Structures are given as C-alpha cells and as structure tokens.
Amino acid sequence: MNPGYQKFGIKREFVERVKLKMKNPAVKEKIKAHMEGATKYDLQDRAKVRRWVKTFAKILSEPLTETQEDQLVNFVIAQKIDPNNMLHLLKLYTMFR
C-alpha cells in the first residue's frame, strides 16, 4: 500500500527517521508546544505551515531543501486537518503508524 504522503514526493525513509525522533519525549513535547492552539484555519495558511515545517525541521535536526519544504507544506494543506476532529487525527495516526 502506498501511503498518502508518498504522492507528494515525501520519502518513506524521511518519515521513518522523523517517527523515530518523535519517540523522544523531549522532542515530542517541543513540537506539541508549538502546535498548542492551532486551528484548522492555521493548518490551511501556507505561510504558517511553512514556518512550522522550518521550525520542526530544526527541532528534529532534519535539514530540508526548498523542494522538501514545499512537499511537506502541500501535504499538510491537502489533508485539511481539523485538530479538534478526532476522525482527522485518527486518519493521520493510521497514515504514520
């Protein structure tokens, strides 16, 4: 099965590295703190999503090319995530588990 993120050019190896790094509680908490209060409208704002992508790349020590940033931003926006909708969060969870 081809995970949805691969349709955006995001490599499985990258996702696996990020998932591993997110298992570190300190890293996970830093990222959660940045997302505190985010709304579905924030997650559709290209400029905000790009800032988060850059910030999270630094926290995770994952250097990104401009193309990779664009791929990640496009992926997030295409998901139309509502952080207050449990079904949206479950969909994301199953995509990345």
Protein backbone atom coordinates (compact mmCIF):
# COMPACT_ATOMS: atom_id res chain seq x y z
CA MET A 1 0.00 0.00 0.00
CA ASN A 2 1.30 3.44 -0.95
CA PRO A 3 0.97 5.89 1.98
CA GLY A 4 -0.61 9.22 1.02
CA TYR A 5 2.50 11.23 1.80
CA GLN A 6 4.44 9.48 -0.98
CA LYS A 7 2.07 11.02 -3.54
CA PHE A 8 3.56 14.36 -2.50
CA GLY A 9 7.13 13.20 -3.09
CA ILE A 10 7.87 12.67 0.61
CA LYS A 11 10.21 9.73 1.01
CA ARG A 12 9.41 6.84 3.34
CA GLU A 13 12.98 6.99 4.76
CA PHE A 14 12.40 10.60 5.84
CA VAL A 15 9.10 9.71 7.51
CA GLU A 16 10.70 6.75 9.32
CA ARG A 17 13.54 8.98 10.64
CA VAL A 18 11.06 11.59 11.86
CA LYS A 19 8.86 8.95 13.51
CA LEU A 20 11.88 7.58 15.36
CA LYS A 21 12.93 11.06 16.54
CA MET A 22 9.36 11.82 17.67
CA LYS A 23 9.59 8.92 20.13
CA ASN A 24 11.91 11.11 22.20
CA PRO A 25 9.58 12.68 24.81
CA ALA A 26 11.51 15.98 24.90
CA VAL A 27 11.28 16.40 21.13
CA LYS A 28 7.61 15.41 21.10
CA GLU A 29 6.80 17.97 23.81
CA LYS A 30 8.63 20.77 21.94
CA ILE A 31 6.61 20.07 18.82
CA LYS A 32 3.35 19.78 20.75
CA ALA A 33 4.06 23.14 22.43
CA HIS A 34 4.42 24.80 19.01
CA MET A 35 1.11 23.32 17.86
CA GLU A 36 -0.80 24.34 21.00
CA GLY A 37 -3.89 26.25 19.98
CA ALA A 38 -3.50 25.56 16.24
CA THR A 39 -6.79 25.64 14.35
CA LYS A 40 -7.94 24.13 11.09
CA TYR A 41 -7.58 27.62 9.60
CA ASP A 42 -3.95 27.84 10.74
CA LEU A 43 -3.32 24.48 9.07
CA GLN A 44 -4.63 25.89 5.78
CA ASP A 45 -2.43 29.01 5.97
CA ARG A 46 0.56 28.32 3.71
CA ALA A 47 2.83 30.85 5.48
CA LYS A 48 2.09 29.45 8.96
CA VAL A 49 2.52 25.85 7.82
CA ARG A 50 5.86 26.74 6.18
CA ARG A 51 7.08 28.38 9.41
CA TRP A 52 6.09 25.27 11.38
CA VAL A 53 7.82 22.98 8.86
CA LYS A 54 11.04 25.01 9.17
CA THR A 55 10.82 25.11 12.98
CA PHE A 56 10.13 21.39 13.26
CA ALA A 57 12.97 20.57 10.87
CA LYS A 58 15.34 22.44 13.20
CA ILE A 59 13.96 20.73 16.31
CA LEU A 60 14.32 17.35 14.59
CA SER A 61 17.75 18.17 13.11
CA GLU A 62 16.42 17.38 9.64
CA PRO A 63 17.83 19.79 7.05
CA LEU A 64 15.28 20.36 4.29
CA THR A 65 15.67 21.58 0.73
CA GLU A 66 13.19 24.13 -0.56
CA THR A 67 11.57 21.35 -2.59
CA GLN A 68 11.13 19.20 0.53
CA GLU A 69 9.62 22.15 2.39
CA ASP A 70 7.17 22.68 -0.48
CA GLN A 71 6.25 18.97 -0.48
CA LEU A 72 5.57 18.99 3.27
CA VAL A 73 3.56 22.23 3.14
CA ASN A 74 1.49 20.93 0.22
CA PHE A 75 0.88 17.64 2.05
CA VAL A 76 -0.30 19.33 5.26
CA ILE A 77 -2.62 21.69 3.42
CA ALA A 78 -4.07 18.88 1.28
CA GLN A 79 -5.02 16.91 4.41
CA LYS A 80 -7.48 19.65 5.50
CA ILE A 81 -6.71 18.77 9.12
CA ASP A 82 -9.01 19.92 11.89
CA PRO A 83 -7.04 19.36 15.11
CA ASN A 84 -10.32 19.31 17.05
CA ASN A 85 -11.79 16.48 14.96
CA MET A 86 -10.84 13.07 16.35
CA LEU A 87 -11.53 11.37 12.98
CA HIS A 88 -8.97 13.62 11.28
CA LEU A 89 -6.40 12.83 13.94
CA LEU A 90 -7.08 9.09 13.68
CA LYS A 91 -6.64 9.27 9.90
CA LEU A 92 -3.24 10.91 10.35
CA TYR A 93 -2.26 8.45 13.06
CA THR A 94 -3.02 5.45 10.85
CA MET A 95 -1.11 7.00 7.95
CA PHE A 96 2.06 7.32 10.05
CA ARG A 97 1.94 4.43 12.50
